[in-house]
Each structure stands twice: as C-alpha cells, then as structure tokens.
Protein backbone atom coordinates (compact mmCIF):
# COMPACT_ATOMS: atom_id res chain seq x y z
CA MET A 1 -21.25 11.76 12.54
CA LYS A 2 -20.04 9.79 10.18
CA ARG A 3 -15.66 9.09 9.36
CA ARG A 4 -16.29 10.01 5.74
CA ASP A 5 -18.30 13.18 6.61
CA PHE A 6 -15.76 14.51 9.27
CA LEU A 7 -12.84 13.95 7.56
CA ASN A 8 -14.13 15.55 4.65
CA LYS A 9 -14.77 19.18 7.20
CA THR A 10 -11.27 18.27 9.45
CA LEU A 11 -8.76 17.38 6.68
CA GLN A 12 -9.66 21.17 4.46
CA SER A 13 -8.14 22.84 7.64
CA THR A 14 -5.23 20.79 9.17
CA ALA A 15 -2.66 18.37 8.72
CA LEU A 16 -1.99 16.65 11.02
CA VAL A 17 1.64 15.03 10.65
CA SER A 18 2.58 13.67 13.87
CA LEU A 19 3.43 10.28 15.31
CA GLY A 20 1.84 10.37 18.44
CA SER A 21 0.71 13.33 18.70
CA ASN A 22 0.05 14.04 22.85
CA LEU A 23 -2.38 16.76 22.16
CA VAL A 24 -4.73 15.28 19.57
CA LEU A 25 -5.01 11.95 21.82
CA ASP A 26 -5.61 13.92 24.30
CA ASN A 27 -8.67 15.54 22.44
CA LEU A 28 -9.53 12.10 21.26
CA ASN A 29 -10.24 11.23 25.46
CA PHE A 30 -12.07 14.34 25.21
CA ILE A 31 -14.01 13.51 23.41
CA ASP A 32 -14.44 9.79 24.07
CA THR A 33 -12.87 7.54 25.42
CA ASN A 34 -13.45 4.41 23.47
CA ILE A 35 -10.95 4.58 21.33
CA LYS A 36 -9.69 2.18 18.58
CA LYS A 37 -6.73 2.74 16.34
CA ILE A 38 -5.04 0.85 13.57
CA THR A 39 -2.02 1.91 12.22
CA ILE A 40 -1.05 0.98 8.38
CA LEU A 41 2.38 0.21 7.83
CA HIS A 42 3.95 0.20 3.89
CA THR A 43 6.02 0.18 1.02
CA ASN A 44 6.49 -0.11 -2.68
CA ASP A 45 9.56 -0.68 -5.11
CA THR A 46 11.45 -2.65 -3.09
CA HIS A 47 13.05 -4.10 -6.15
CA SER A 48 15.60 -6.68 -4.28
CA HIS A 49 17.40 -3.66 -1.95
CA ILE A 50 17.67 -6.14 0.44
CA ASP A 51 20.74 -4.13 1.84
CA PRO A 52 21.60 -0.60 2.73
CA PHE A 53 23.06 2.30 0.45
CA ASP A 54 26.54 2.20 1.17
CA ALA A 55 28.36 5.98 2.91
CA GLU A 56 29.44 7.24 -0.76
CA HIS A 57 25.83 6.86 -2.59
CA PRO A 58 25.48 10.72 -4.33
CA GLN A 59 21.72 10.18 -3.21
CA TYR A 60 20.73 7.71 -0.96
CA ALA A 61 24.08 7.85 1.08
CA ASN A 62 23.73 4.61 4.40
CA MET A 63 19.48 4.61 4.19
CA GLY A 64 17.20 1.43 3.54
CA GLY A 65 17.94 -1.81 3.94
CA VAL A 66 15.61 -4.70 5.94
CA THR A 67 18.07 -4.67 8.92
CA ARG A 68 17.23 -1.39 10.00
CA ARG A 69 13.62 -1.36 8.18
CA ALA A 70 12.13 -4.82 10.54
CA THR A 71 13.86 -2.52 14.26
CA LEU A 72 10.92 0.32 13.31
CA ILE A 73 8.40 -2.18 12.31
CA ASN A 74 9.07 -4.00 15.22
CA GLN A 75 9.11 -1.13 17.62
CA ILE A 76 5.50 0.50 16.39
CA ARG A 77 4.09 -2.64 16.64
CA GLN A 78 5.71 -2.83 20.16
CA GLN A 79 3.91 0.34 20.33
CA GLU A 80 0.94 0.17 18.74
CA LYS A 81 -2.16 -2.70 19.05
CA ASN A 82 -3.39 -2.83 15.59
CA VAL A 83 -0.44 -3.00 12.92
CA LEU A 84 -1.64 -3.55 9.64
CA LEU A 85 2.02 -3.85 7.10
CA LEU A 86 1.17 -3.37 3.34
CA ASP A 87 3.43 -3.05 0.02
CA ALA A 88 2.03 -1.81 -3.03
CA GLY A 89 4.94 -3.61 -5.98
CA ASP A 90 7.98 -4.53 -7.33
CA ILE A 91 9.34 -6.62 -4.60
CA PHE A 92 11.61 -7.74 -7.22
CA GLN A 93 14.32 -7.19 -9.46
CA GLY A 94 17.15 -4.61 -8.79
CA THR A 95 19.83 -6.03 -7.30
CA PRO A 96 21.93 -9.23 -7.32
CA TYR A 97 20.12 -11.06 -4.93
CA PHE A 98 17.10 -11.48 -7.16
CA ASN A 99 19.28 -12.44 -10.23
CA TYR A 100 21.54 -15.12 -8.07
CA TYR A 101 17.94 -16.16 -5.75
CA GLY A 102 14.53 -15.71 -7.95
CA GLY A 103 12.59 -14.03 -5.78
CA GLU A 104 12.85 -16.57 -2.52
CA LEU A 105 14.94 -14.11 -0.49
CA GLU A 106 12.64 -11.21 -0.59
CA PHE A 107 9.06 -12.70 -0.09
CA LYS A 108 11.42 -14.65 3.17
CA LEU A 109 12.26 -11.51 4.75
CA MET A 110 8.62 -10.12 4.05
CA SER A 111 7.47 -12.94 5.53
CA MET A 112 9.69 -12.45 8.54
CA LEU A 113 9.21 -8.91 8.85
CA LYS A 114 5.59 -9.76 8.70
CA TYR A 115 3.86 -8.45 6.33
CA ASP A 116 0.08 -9.34 5.79
CA VAL A 117 -0.70 -8.53 2.12
CA ALA A 118 0.97 -6.86 -1.09
CA THR A 119 -0.44 -6.42 -4.91
CA MET A 120 1.91 -6.68 -7.94
CA GLY A 121 3.74 -4.89 -10.07
CA ASN A 122 5.33 -4.89 -13.30
CA HIS A 123 8.46 -6.11 -12.54
CA ASP A 124 7.08 -8.87 -10.04
CA PHE A 125 6.62 -10.68 -13.70
CA ASP A 126 10.16 -10.49 -14.27
CA ASN A 127 11.16 -14.84 -13.65
CA GLY A 128 7.02 -15.06 -15.43
CA LEU A 129 4.05 -16.17 -13.75
CA GLU A 130 6.50 -19.91 -13.40
CA GLY A 131 8.94 -17.55 -11.52
CA PHE A 132 6.72 -15.69 -9.64
CA HIS A 133 4.58 -18.44 -8.53
CA LYS A 134 7.83 -20.87 -7.24
CA GLN A 135 8.63 -18.22 -5.34
CA LEU A 136 5.09 -18.16 -3.45
CA PRO A 137 5.42 -21.07 -1.00
CA HIS A 138 8.08 -19.19 0.62
CA ALA A 139 5.34 -15.72 1.25
CA LYS A 140 3.84 -16.20 4.48
CA PHE A 141 1.50 -13.40 3.70
CA ASP A 142 -1.13 -12.96 0.45
CA PHE A 143 -1.22 -11.19 -2.67
CA VAL A 144 -3.87 -9.29 -4.11
CA SER A 145 -4.80 -7.42 -7.32
CA ALA A 146 -8.27 -7.28 -9.10
CA ASN A 147 -7.97 -5.49 -12.43
CA TYR A 148 -5.65 -8.62 -13.68
CA ASP A 149 -7.41 -10.78 -14.89
CA PHE A 150 -5.62 -14.90 -14.10
CA SER A 151 -8.05 -17.41 -15.34
CA ASN A 152 -6.46 -19.28 -17.73
CA THR A 153 -3.10 -18.75 -15.48
CA ILE A 154 -1.60 -20.39 -12.65
CA LEU A 155 -1.70 -17.69 -10.51
CA ASN A 156 -5.98 -18.64 -10.92
CA GLU A 157 -7.30 -18.72 -7.81
CA ILE A 158 -4.26 -17.57 -5.49
CA VAL A 159 -3.82 -13.98 -6.87
CA LYS A 160 -7.35 -13.12 -5.16
CA PRO A 161 -9.36 -9.54 -6.27
CA TYR A 162 -9.64 -8.23 -2.42
CA LYS A 163 -8.96 -9.62 0.68
CA ILE A 164 -10.31 -8.33 4.62
CA ILE A 165 -8.24 -8.39 7.73
CA LYS A 166 -10.16 -7.10 11.10
CA LYS A 167 -8.22 -5.45 13.30
CA ASP A 168 -10.00 -4.62 17.16
CA GLY A 169 -13.73 -5.04 15.23
CA ILE A 170 -13.16 -2.69 13.23
CA LYS A 171 -13.26 -4.24 9.63
CA ILE A 172 -10.41 -3.55 6.70
CA GLY A 173 -11.19 -4.14 2.82
CA ILE A 174 -8.11 -4.42 1.04
CA PHE A 175 -7.88 -4.68 -2.50
CA GLY A 176 -5.28 -4.47 -5.48
CA LEU A 177 -4.87 -2.72 -8.86
CA GLY A 178 -2.42 -3.28 -11.86
CA VAL A 179 -0.35 -1.30 -14.49
CA GLU A 180 -0.56 -1.82 -17.50
CA LEU A 181 1.56 -4.78 -18.90
CA ASP A 182 1.64 -4.06 -22.69
CA GLY A 183 3.42 -2.28 -23.77
CA LEU A 184 5.54 -3.18 -20.14
CA VAL A 185 6.49 -6.76 -20.07
CA ASP A 186 6.86 -9.57 -22.65
CA LYS A 187 4.50 -11.12 -23.46
CA LYS A 188 5.74 -14.21 -22.68
CA LEU A 189 5.95 -12.89 -19.42
CA TYR A 190 2.67 -12.84 -17.91
CA LYS A 191 1.11 -14.61 -20.72
CA GLU A 192 -2.98 -14.97 -20.31
CA THR A 193 -2.83 -12.51 -17.80
CA VAL A 194 -6.29 -10.55 -18.75
CA TYR A 195 -5.93 -6.78 -18.31
CA ASN A 196 -9.56 -4.66 -16.92
CA ASN A 197 -9.73 -0.99 -16.48
CA PRO A 198 -8.70 -0.78 -13.19
CA ILE A 199 -11.67 2.33 -12.70
CA GLU A 200 -14.46 0.45 -13.59
CA ILE A 201 -13.30 -2.52 -11.51
CA ALA A 202 -12.47 -0.21 -8.44
CA GLU A 203 -15.60 0.85 -8.70
CA ASP A 204 -17.50 -2.80 -8.81
CA ILE A 205 -15.00 -3.81 -5.76
CA THR A 206 -15.21 -1.47 -3.70
CA ASN A 207 -19.34 -1.67 -3.51
CA THR A 208 -18.74 -5.17 -2.40
CA LEU A 209 -16.13 -4.13 0.01
CA LYS A 210 -18.30 -1.23 1.54
CA ASN A 211 -21.85 -2.11 0.61
CA GLN A 212 -21.86 -6.40 0.89
CA GLU A 213 -18.80 -6.56 2.68
CA LYS A 214 -19.64 -3.79 5.65
CA CYS A 215 -16.01 -2.73 5.42
CA ASP A 216 -15.23 0.36 7.85
CA LEU A 217 -11.91 0.89 5.86
CA ILE A 218 -10.85 0.70 2.06
CA ILE A 219 -7.03 0.68 1.01
CA CYS A 220 -6.40 0.07 -2.84
CA LEU A 221 -2.48 -1.79 -3.03
CA SER A 222 -2.41 -0.02 -6.55
CA HIS A 223 -0.20 -0.14 -9.51
CA LEU A 224 -0.58 2.66 -11.10
CA GLY A 225 1.83 5.39 -11.02
CA TYR A 226 1.35 8.57 -9.08
CA LYS A 227 0.90 10.78 -11.27
CA TYR A 228 2.38 11.42 -15.56
CA SER A 229 2.47 14.82 -16.25
CA ASN A 230 3.49 14.64 -19.46
CA LEU A 231 0.04 11.77 -19.90
CA PRO A 232 -2.45 13.32 -18.13
CA ASN A 233 -5.58 11.21 -19.79
CA LYS A 234 -2.97 8.52 -18.16
CA VAL A 235 -4.98 6.20 -15.52
CA CYS A 236 -3.52 7.50 -12.24
CA ASP A 237 -3.84 6.57 -8.71
CA VAL A 238 -4.79 10.57 -8.21
CA ILE A 239 -7.77 10.03 -11.26
CA LEU A 240 -8.57 6.44 -9.68
CA ALA A 241 -9.02 8.42 -5.91
CA GLN A 242 -11.13 11.63 -8.18
CA LYS A 243 -13.42 9.59 -10.70
CA THR A 244 -14.25 6.21 -7.56
CA LYS A 245 -16.18 6.23 -3.87
CA ASP A 246 -16.00 4.52 -1.01
CA ILE A 247 -12.18 4.36 -1.34
CA ASP A 248 -10.12 5.86 1.43
CA LEU A 249 -6.72 5.31 1.31
CA ILE A 250 -4.64 4.98 -2.34
CA ILE A 251 -0.94 2.94 -0.98
CA GLY A 252 0.86 3.92 -4.76
CA GLY A 253 3.50 2.79 -6.34
CA HIS A 254 5.65 2.79 -9.84
CA THR A 255 5.98 5.93 -10.20
CA HIS A 256 8.58 6.50 -7.52
CA THR A 257 7.70 8.86 -5.86
CA PHE A 258 8.57 10.15 -2.76
CA LEU A 259 5.52 11.77 -0.74
CA ASP A 260 6.44 13.76 2.61
CA LYS A 261 2.81 13.10 3.59
CA PRO A 262 -0.54 11.49 2.27
CA VAL A 263 -1.49 13.64 -0.96
CA THR A 264 -5.84 14.55 -0.30
CA GLU A 265 -8.00 13.74 -3.45
CA THR A 266 -11.95 14.46 -3.49
CA ASN A 267 -13.31 11.78 -4.70
CA SER A 268 -16.70 11.26 -7.53
CA GLU A 269 -18.55 12.10 -4.31
CA GLY A 270 -16.55 14.82 -3.31
CA LYS A 271 -15.16 13.14 -0.46
CA PRO A 272 -11.65 13.20 -0.07
CA VAL A 273 -9.62 10.68 -0.45
CA LEU A 274 -5.90 9.66 1.36
CA ILE A 275 -3.46 9.18 -0.91
CA ASN A 276 0.80 7.46 -0.01
CA GLN A 277 3.63 6.60 -1.75
CA VAL A 278 7.05 6.95 0.12
CA GLY A 279 9.59 6.29 -2.32
CA CYS A 280 11.80 3.24 -3.74
CA TYR A 281 14.57 0.65 -2.62
CA GLY A 282 12.94 0.33 0.69
CA ILE A 283 14.20 3.96 2.11
CA ASN A 284 11.29 4.63 3.83
CA LEU A 285 9.11 3.29 5.82
CA GLY A 286 4.89 4.80 5.32
CA ARG A 287 2.93 5.31 8.80
CA ILE A 288 -0.59 6.16 8.84
CA ASP A 289 -2.68 6.10 11.73
CA PHE A 290 -6.49 5.40 11.54
CA TYR A 291 -8.47 6.56 14.86
CA PHE A 292 -12.18 5.33 15.49
CA THR A 293 -14.89 5.70 18.29
CA ASN A 294 -18.57 6.01 18.04
CA ASN A 295 -18.35 10.34 17.37
CA TYR A 296 -14.92 11.04 16.16
CA ASN A 297 -12.23 10.26 14.31
CA ASN A 298 -8.68 11.39 12.47
CA ILE A 299 -6.04 10.77 10.97
CA ILE A 300 -2.48 11.32 12.17
CA SER A 301 0.54 10.34 9.03
CA GLU A 302 3.78 10.96 8.14
CA ASN A 303 6.47 8.65 6.23
CA ILE A 304 9.35 7.95 8.01
CA SER A 305 12.85 7.97 6.71
CA ILE A 306 14.72 4.10 7.28
CA ASN A 307 19.37 5.87 7.77
CA SER A 308 21.67 4.88 9.98
CA ASN A 309 20.41 8.23 12.56
C-alpha cells in the first residue's frame, strides 16, 4: 500500500502521540520487520534566545535554553538512527546576544547542535543581506528558500530552493517558503530580493521533488505563519496545505503558534498533510517520527517542552 493512501485512511481514525510507543512498534514488527524510521526534530522563531528564561518569568519560568535543547537532541540521537534537525526561521533578533554578536553566536550554536537545514524568517534580514551573509561562515548547515529570488543579491547561489538528504535509503526533499517582506522588512535590508507566490512555487518545487527527484518524503520549512483568523485569505500554512499536493509535512514559523501536536489538513487531492509549529524562543522541540516499510507506514508525534524538569 502506498504511504499516502495509508495515511489518508489511518490519520482520520486515530491519533498516535506517544514517543516510542511499544504497542505501535510491536505491531509494525509483526507486519514487516524491514522498518526504516526517520525522526524529524525541529524548532522555529528561537529569536536569539540562548539562555533559559529566569525563574520569575510570568509565562516561561525556567523554560528553554540551548544547553537543554542540546541535551535533549543528543539523547534522541543516541536512541534513534536517522535523525534530521530543522529550523523554520527567525533565528535572529530578540536578545542582546544578537545586538552584540550579529548572529554569530546563534549560527555557531546551531552548528554545534548539528542542524541540517533551516529557512529564513523576516527577522533574519534585520542586519540586512550583508549582515546575514557575514555570519554564514559560522553556519555548518544549509539554508533553503524557494520563493525568495536572490538572483540579484549577495545570497545568489548560496540560499538554495531545496535540499535533498538521504537517510537509510529514504530520500527526503526539504524546501523553504518565506513570508511577504514588503511592509514587514525595510526595503534597504532585503534590497533586490524578489518575493514570489508561495503556492505557485510550492507546486513547482514539489513536482520536481516528487516526480524528478523521486523523493519519498517532502518537507516544507515555512515562515508563512500557521493561520490568520482576521485575514482568512492571507497565505499561511493551512492554505498552503489545502491548495497544494505532494507536501507530507509543513514545519511552520512566524506566528509563534504553540501546537500540542501536528494538525492534519487535506490537500488538493484529498490526502493528508501534517502541519506543526512549536511556538517560539526555543521553549519546545518538535518531534515527528515517520516509519517506512514495503507494506506499512505510520507516524508518531509529540512536541517536547524544554524546561528544568
């Protein structure tokens, strides 16, 4: 059974939200012992938050912090064979660390955590294209953005539309989409960057990834925002999922939306698309496990709070 057909039938009837459920794993082993598991870890809108919030913070007391995130990520990597670590943008801006170091510390720490791919959020333009470019030598991971055309800028040929990663024989296509910059970011900061319609670009990119590159899993790193109740026609992750096909997972950012678990939307072909976003400031780490076999596929997912406990 094709993975999409299976998901379309099962995600409507059950929600599996435990990490490493023995019952589910036993069932998978019973059906097919040739299981390939891909674990997706992700963040968004960390906004230069390096330290945890202090104990007196009214909302996020003792939560977050890069050290705790690193500990959790390392624990998961010790347990799992095939792990991807992704970020959906707005890495910059929010604490004095950015004001003083200009993004150098953020990129160095993400490199130490071994991020694989990230996309650009609007605040990643806050020191201009030159400021972002200046810090790229500290980033030992790739940036993707498909609907920002950087052809006439310093980022031309540096920020790619998509990246393909192979894990245990599974081909994973990852592409990025960014929010409209006009009216949100000063023109002098993004200069000749051209914003293209994310729906149209997503259709073109997914066609390439699915039919030409033959990807088994397609992930969009989106900084469009989850949804806008006061602007129902504004392009967001929910609309992106509904109006496109072939996207399996949308990892979102921009709206600082705290989802307890991924939301399932129906795409233009009536098939399920997962959307997840883990709030902001490095408080949560998203985790989604994809299982691939010849005959059976499933997803187990949960968002993990990074706190002092």
